[in-house]
N, C-alpha and C. Protein backbone atom coordinates (compact mmCIF):
# COMPACT_ATOMS: atom_id res chain seq x y z
N MET A 1 19.02 -23.31 -35.39
CA MET A 1 18.20 -22.11 -35.42
C MET A 1 16.92 -22.31 -34.61
N ILE A 2 16.31 -23.49 -34.72
CA ILE A 2 15.07 -23.76 -33.97
C ILE A 2 15.36 -23.73 -32.47
N LYS A 3 16.53 -24.22 -32.05
CA LYS A 3 16.89 -24.19 -30.63
C LYS A 3 16.99 -22.75 -30.14
N ASN A 4 17.55 -21.88 -30.95
CA ASN A 4 17.67 -20.47 -30.57
C ASN A 4 16.30 -19.81 -30.44
N VAL A 5 15.39 -20.14 -31.33
CA VAL A 5 14.04 -19.58 -31.29
C VAL A 5 13.31 -20.08 -30.05
N LYS A 6 13.46 -21.38 -29.74
CA LYS A 6 12.81 -21.94 -28.54
C LYS A 6 13.36 -21.28 -27.29
N PHE A 7 14.68 -21.15 -27.22
CA PHE A 7 15.30 -20.53 -26.06
C PHE A 7 14.84 -19.09 -25.90
N LEU A 8 14.83 -18.36 -26.99
CA LEU A 8 14.40 -16.97 -26.96
C LEU A 8 12.93 -16.87 -26.53
N SER A 9 12.09 -17.76 -27.03
CA SER A 9 10.67 -17.75 -26.66
C SER A 9 10.49 -18.01 -25.18
N ILE A 10 11.23 -18.97 -24.65
CA ILE A 10 11.14 -19.31 -23.22
C ILE A 10 11.66 -18.15 -22.38
N ALA A 11 12.74 -17.53 -22.81
CA ALA A 11 13.30 -16.40 -22.06
C ALA A 11 12.32 -15.23 -22.02
N VAL A 12 11.70 -14.93 -23.15
CA VAL A 12 10.73 -13.84 -23.21
C VAL A 12 9.52 -14.17 -22.34
N LEU A 13 9.05 -15.40 -22.38
CA LEU A 13 7.91 -15.82 -21.56
C LEU A 13 8.23 -15.69 -20.07
N ALA A 14 9.42 -16.13 -19.67
CA ALA A 14 9.82 -16.03 -18.26
C ALA A 14 9.93 -14.58 -17.81
N LEU A 15 10.50 -13.74 -18.64
CA LEU A 15 10.63 -12.32 -18.31
C LEU A 15 9.26 -11.66 -18.19
N THR A 16 8.36 -11.97 -19.11
CA THR A 16 7.01 -11.42 -19.09
C THR A 16 6.26 -11.86 -17.84
N ALA A 17 6.38 -13.13 -17.48
CA ALA A 17 5.70 -13.64 -16.28
C ALA A 17 6.23 -12.97 -15.03
N THR A 18 7.54 -12.78 -14.95
CA THR A 18 8.15 -12.13 -13.79
C THR A 18 7.70 -10.68 -13.66
N LEU A 19 7.73 -9.94 -14.75
CA LEU A 19 7.30 -8.54 -14.71
C LEU A 19 5.81 -8.42 -14.42
N GLY A 20 5.02 -9.34 -14.95
CA GLY A 20 3.58 -9.33 -14.68
C GLY A 20 3.29 -9.58 -13.22
N ALA A 21 4.00 -10.54 -12.62
CA ALA A 21 3.80 -10.83 -11.20
C ALA A 21 4.21 -9.64 -10.35
N LYS A 22 5.31 -8.99 -10.70
CA LYS A 22 5.75 -7.81 -9.95
C LYS A 22 4.71 -6.71 -10.03
N ARG A 23 4.14 -6.54 -11.19
CA ARG A 23 3.14 -5.48 -11.38
C ARG A 23 1.88 -5.75 -10.54
N LEU A 24 1.56 -7.02 -10.33
CA LEU A 24 0.40 -7.36 -9.50
C LEU A 24 0.70 -7.18 -8.02
N VAL A 25 1.91 -7.50 -7.60
CA VAL A 25 2.26 -7.48 -6.18
C VAL A 25 2.57 -6.07 -5.68
N ASP A 26 3.20 -5.23 -6.49
CA ASP A 26 3.59 -3.89 -6.04
C ASP A 26 2.45 -3.07 -5.44
N PRO A 27 1.27 -2.99 -6.07
CA PRO A 27 0.20 -2.20 -5.45
C PRO A 27 -0.25 -2.77 -4.10
N MET A 28 -0.21 -4.10 -3.95
CA MET A 28 -0.61 -4.70 -2.68
C MET A 28 0.37 -4.35 -1.59
N VAL A 29 1.65 -4.35 -1.90
CA VAL A 29 2.67 -4.00 -0.92
C VAL A 29 2.54 -2.53 -0.54
N ALA A 30 2.29 -1.68 -1.50
CA ALA A 30 2.16 -0.25 -1.23
C ALA A 30 0.93 0.06 -0.40
N ALA A 31 -0.11 -0.74 -0.56
CA ALA A 31 -1.36 -0.49 0.16
C ALA A 31 -1.25 -0.80 1.64
N TYR A 32 -0.34 -1.67 2.01
CA TYR A 32 -0.20 -2.07 3.40
C TYR A 32 1.25 -1.92 3.84
N PRO A 33 1.66 -0.70 4.11
CA PRO A 33 3.06 -0.49 4.49
C PRO A 33 3.36 -1.12 5.84
N VAL A 34 4.54 -1.67 5.99
CA VAL A 34 4.93 -2.28 7.26
C VAL A 34 6.08 -1.52 7.90
N ALA A 35 6.40 -0.36 7.36
CA ALA A 35 7.50 0.40 7.93
C ALA A 35 7.17 1.89 7.88
N ILE A 36 7.69 2.60 8.84
CA ILE A 36 7.56 4.05 8.85
C ILE A 36 8.97 4.60 8.70
N ASP A 37 9.19 5.40 7.68
CA ASP A 37 10.51 5.98 7.41
C ASP A 37 11.59 4.91 7.34
N GLY A 38 11.26 3.75 6.77
CA GLY A 38 12.25 2.70 6.58
C GLY A 38 12.54 1.86 7.82
N HIS A 39 11.89 2.16 8.94
CA HIS A 39 12.12 1.39 10.16
C HIS A 39 10.86 0.60 10.50
N GLU A 40 11.03 -0.69 10.66
CA GLU A 40 9.89 -1.53 11.02
C GLU A 40 9.45 -1.16 12.43
N SER A 41 8.16 -1.13 12.65
CA SER A 41 7.63 -0.70 13.93
C SER A 41 6.55 -1.67 14.39
N ALA A 42 6.52 -1.93 15.68
CA ALA A 42 5.47 -2.80 16.23
C ALA A 42 4.11 -2.14 16.03
N GLN A 43 4.09 -0.81 16.00
CA GLN A 43 2.84 -0.07 15.83
C GLN A 43 2.18 -0.41 14.49
N THR A 44 2.98 -0.62 13.45
CA THR A 44 2.42 -0.88 12.13
C THR A 44 1.74 -2.23 12.05
N MET A 45 1.95 -3.06 13.04
CA MET A 45 1.36 -4.39 13.02
C MET A 45 0.04 -4.46 13.81
N THR A 46 -0.36 -3.37 14.42
CA THR A 46 -1.58 -3.38 15.24
C THR A 46 -2.82 -3.25 14.37
N ALA A 47 -3.93 -3.71 14.91
CA ALA A 47 -5.20 -3.61 14.20
C ALA A 47 -5.59 -2.15 14.00
N ALA A 48 -5.30 -1.32 15.00
CA ALA A 48 -5.66 0.10 14.91
C ALA A 48 -4.90 0.78 13.76
N PHE A 49 -3.62 0.49 13.63
CA PHE A 49 -2.82 1.08 12.55
C PHE A 49 -3.37 0.62 11.20
N ARG A 50 -3.60 -0.68 11.06
CA ARG A 50 -4.11 -1.21 9.79
C ARG A 50 -5.49 -0.65 9.47
N ASP A 51 -6.31 -0.43 10.50
CA ASP A 51 -7.62 0.16 10.28
C ASP A 51 -7.47 1.60 9.80
N GLY A 52 -6.51 2.32 10.36
CA GLY A 52 -6.25 3.69 9.91
C GLY A 52 -5.84 3.71 8.44
N VAL A 53 -4.99 2.76 8.05
CA VAL A 53 -4.56 2.65 6.65
C VAL A 53 -5.78 2.41 5.76
N PHE A 54 -6.63 1.48 6.18
CA PHE A 54 -7.81 1.13 5.39
C PHE A 54 -8.79 2.31 5.28
N GLN A 55 -9.06 2.97 6.40
CA GLN A 55 -10.00 4.09 6.40
C GLN A 55 -9.48 5.25 5.54
N ALA A 56 -8.17 5.49 5.58
CA ALA A 56 -7.59 6.55 4.75
C ALA A 56 -7.74 6.22 3.28
N LYS A 57 -7.50 4.98 2.93
CA LYS A 57 -7.63 4.56 1.54
C LYS A 57 -9.07 4.77 1.06
N LEU A 58 -10.03 4.42 1.90
CA LEU A 58 -11.44 4.63 1.53
C LEU A 58 -11.74 6.11 1.36
N SER A 59 -11.22 6.94 2.26
CA SER A 59 -11.45 8.39 2.17
C SER A 59 -10.94 8.95 0.85
N VAL A 60 -9.74 8.54 0.47
CA VAL A 60 -9.16 9.04 -0.78
C VAL A 60 -9.97 8.54 -1.97
N GLU A 61 -10.34 7.26 -1.97
CA GLU A 61 -11.12 6.70 -3.08
C GLU A 61 -12.46 7.41 -3.24
N ARG A 62 -13.04 7.84 -2.12
CA ARG A 62 -14.34 8.52 -2.15
C ARG A 62 -14.21 10.02 -2.38
N GLY A 63 -12.98 10.52 -2.41
CA GLY A 63 -12.76 11.94 -2.62
C GLY A 63 -13.06 12.77 -1.38
N GLN A 64 -13.01 12.17 -0.22
CA GLN A 64 -13.31 12.87 1.02
C GLN A 64 -12.06 13.54 1.60
N ALA A 65 -12.29 14.59 2.34
CA ALA A 65 -11.19 15.25 3.05
C ALA A 65 -10.74 14.36 4.19
N GLU A 66 -9.56 14.64 4.70
CA GLU A 66 -9.01 13.85 5.81
C GLU A 66 -9.93 13.96 7.02
N HIS A 67 -10.37 12.82 7.54
CA HIS A 67 -11.30 12.80 8.68
C HIS A 67 -10.98 11.59 9.55
N LEU A 68 -10.63 11.85 10.79
CA LEU A 68 -10.27 10.77 11.72
C LEU A 68 -11.46 10.39 12.58
N SER A 69 -11.81 9.09 12.60
CA SER A 69 -12.88 8.60 13.49
C SER A 69 -12.23 7.90 14.67
N LEU A 70 -11.91 8.67 15.68
CA LEU A 70 -11.18 8.12 16.82
C LEU A 70 -12.07 7.35 17.79
N GLY A 71 -13.36 7.51 17.70
CA GLY A 71 -14.27 6.82 18.62
C GLY A 71 -14.23 5.31 18.46
N ARG A 72 -13.61 4.83 17.43
CA ARG A 72 -13.54 3.40 17.17
C ARG A 72 -12.59 2.70 18.13
N TRP A 73 -11.67 3.45 18.76
CA TRP A 73 -10.62 2.83 19.57
C TRP A 73 -10.66 3.38 20.98
N ASN A 74 -10.51 2.49 21.98
CA ASN A 74 -10.66 2.87 23.38
C ASN A 74 -9.40 3.44 24.01
N SER A 75 -8.26 2.82 23.78
CA SER A 75 -7.05 3.25 24.48
C SER A 75 -6.33 4.35 23.71
N ASP A 76 -5.56 5.13 24.45
CA ASP A 76 -4.76 6.20 23.83
C ASP A 76 -3.75 5.61 22.84
N GLN A 77 -3.19 4.47 23.19
CA GLN A 77 -2.20 3.83 22.33
C GLN A 77 -2.85 3.40 21.00
N ASP A 78 -4.05 2.83 21.07
CA ASP A 78 -4.75 2.44 19.85
C ASP A 78 -5.12 3.66 19.01
N ARG A 79 -5.56 4.72 19.66
CA ARG A 79 -5.90 5.95 18.92
C ARG A 79 -4.67 6.53 18.23
N ALA A 80 -3.53 6.50 18.93
CA ALA A 80 -2.29 7.00 18.33
C ALA A 80 -1.88 6.14 17.13
N SER A 81 -2.05 4.83 17.24
CA SER A 81 -1.73 3.94 16.13
C SER A 81 -2.65 4.19 14.95
N PHE A 82 -3.94 4.37 15.23
CA PHE A 82 -4.91 4.65 14.17
C PHE A 82 -4.54 5.94 13.44
N ILE A 83 -4.24 6.99 14.21
CA ILE A 83 -3.88 8.28 13.62
C ILE A 83 -2.63 8.14 12.75
N ALA A 84 -1.62 7.44 13.26
CA ALA A 84 -0.38 7.27 12.50
C ALA A 84 -0.64 6.53 11.18
N GLY A 85 -1.42 5.46 11.25
CA GLY A 85 -1.74 4.70 10.04
C GLY A 85 -2.56 5.51 9.06
N TYR A 86 -3.53 6.23 9.58
CA TYR A 86 -4.41 7.04 8.73
C TYR A 86 -3.62 8.14 8.02
N GLN A 87 -2.85 8.90 8.80
CA GLN A 87 -2.14 10.03 8.22
C GLN A 87 -1.08 9.58 7.21
N GLN A 88 -0.35 8.52 7.53
CA GLN A 88 0.67 8.02 6.62
C GLN A 88 0.02 7.55 5.32
N SER A 89 -1.02 6.76 5.45
CA SER A 89 -1.68 6.21 4.26
C SER A 89 -2.38 7.30 3.45
N TYR A 90 -3.01 8.25 4.12
CA TYR A 90 -3.71 9.33 3.40
C TYR A 90 -2.72 10.12 2.55
N ARG A 91 -1.57 10.46 3.16
CA ARG A 91 -0.54 11.20 2.40
C ARG A 91 -0.04 10.39 1.21
N GLN A 92 0.21 9.09 1.43
CA GLN A 92 0.70 8.25 0.34
C GLN A 92 -0.33 8.11 -0.77
N GLU A 93 -1.58 7.90 -0.41
CA GLU A 93 -2.63 7.74 -1.41
C GLU A 93 -2.84 9.04 -2.19
N MET A 94 -2.81 10.18 -1.50
CA MET A 94 -2.98 11.46 -2.18
C MET A 94 -1.80 11.73 -3.12
N ALA A 95 -0.59 11.41 -2.67
CA ALA A 95 0.58 11.60 -3.52
C ALA A 95 0.49 10.73 -4.77
N ALA A 96 0.04 9.50 -4.59
CA ALA A 96 -0.11 8.60 -5.73
C ALA A 96 -1.18 9.11 -6.69
N LEU A 97 -2.24 9.66 -6.13
CA LEU A 97 -3.33 10.19 -6.93
C LEU A 97 -2.85 11.39 -7.77
N HIS A 98 -2.07 12.27 -7.14
CA HIS A 98 -1.53 13.44 -7.84
C HIS A 98 -0.54 13.03 -8.92
N LYS A 99 0.23 11.97 -8.65
CA LYS A 99 1.17 11.47 -9.65
C LYS A 99 0.45 11.01 -10.89
N LEU A 100 -0.73 10.39 -10.68
CA LEU A 100 -1.51 9.90 -11.82
C LEU A 100 -2.25 11.03 -12.51
N GLY A 101 -2.27 12.21 -11.90
CA GLY A 101 -2.90 13.37 -12.50
C GLY A 101 -4.42 13.37 -12.41
N ARG A 102 -4.94 12.76 -11.35
CA ARG A 102 -6.40 12.70 -11.19
C ARG A 102 -6.91 13.86 -10.38
């Protein structure tokens, strides 16, 4: 009987640790998407795209309307990456906010 209790305790502990780790990692993965529509893109790996994601997240956290600061990037390609990252992240953050009922 003691062996069964020990085994059950270890199994519950392992399951709890696994679910806890998943709960910590999921928001981090969602905050930095690496794919657009399920397809990995070189654009998502650029600094401009990641900056767009970050700026959108800040806008949503502050309750601001969608606002693109394109002056931060010199090339058309960087501006396009920034816009793509910003718009994708802004929509995702707003959808998550609405799901939580805030």
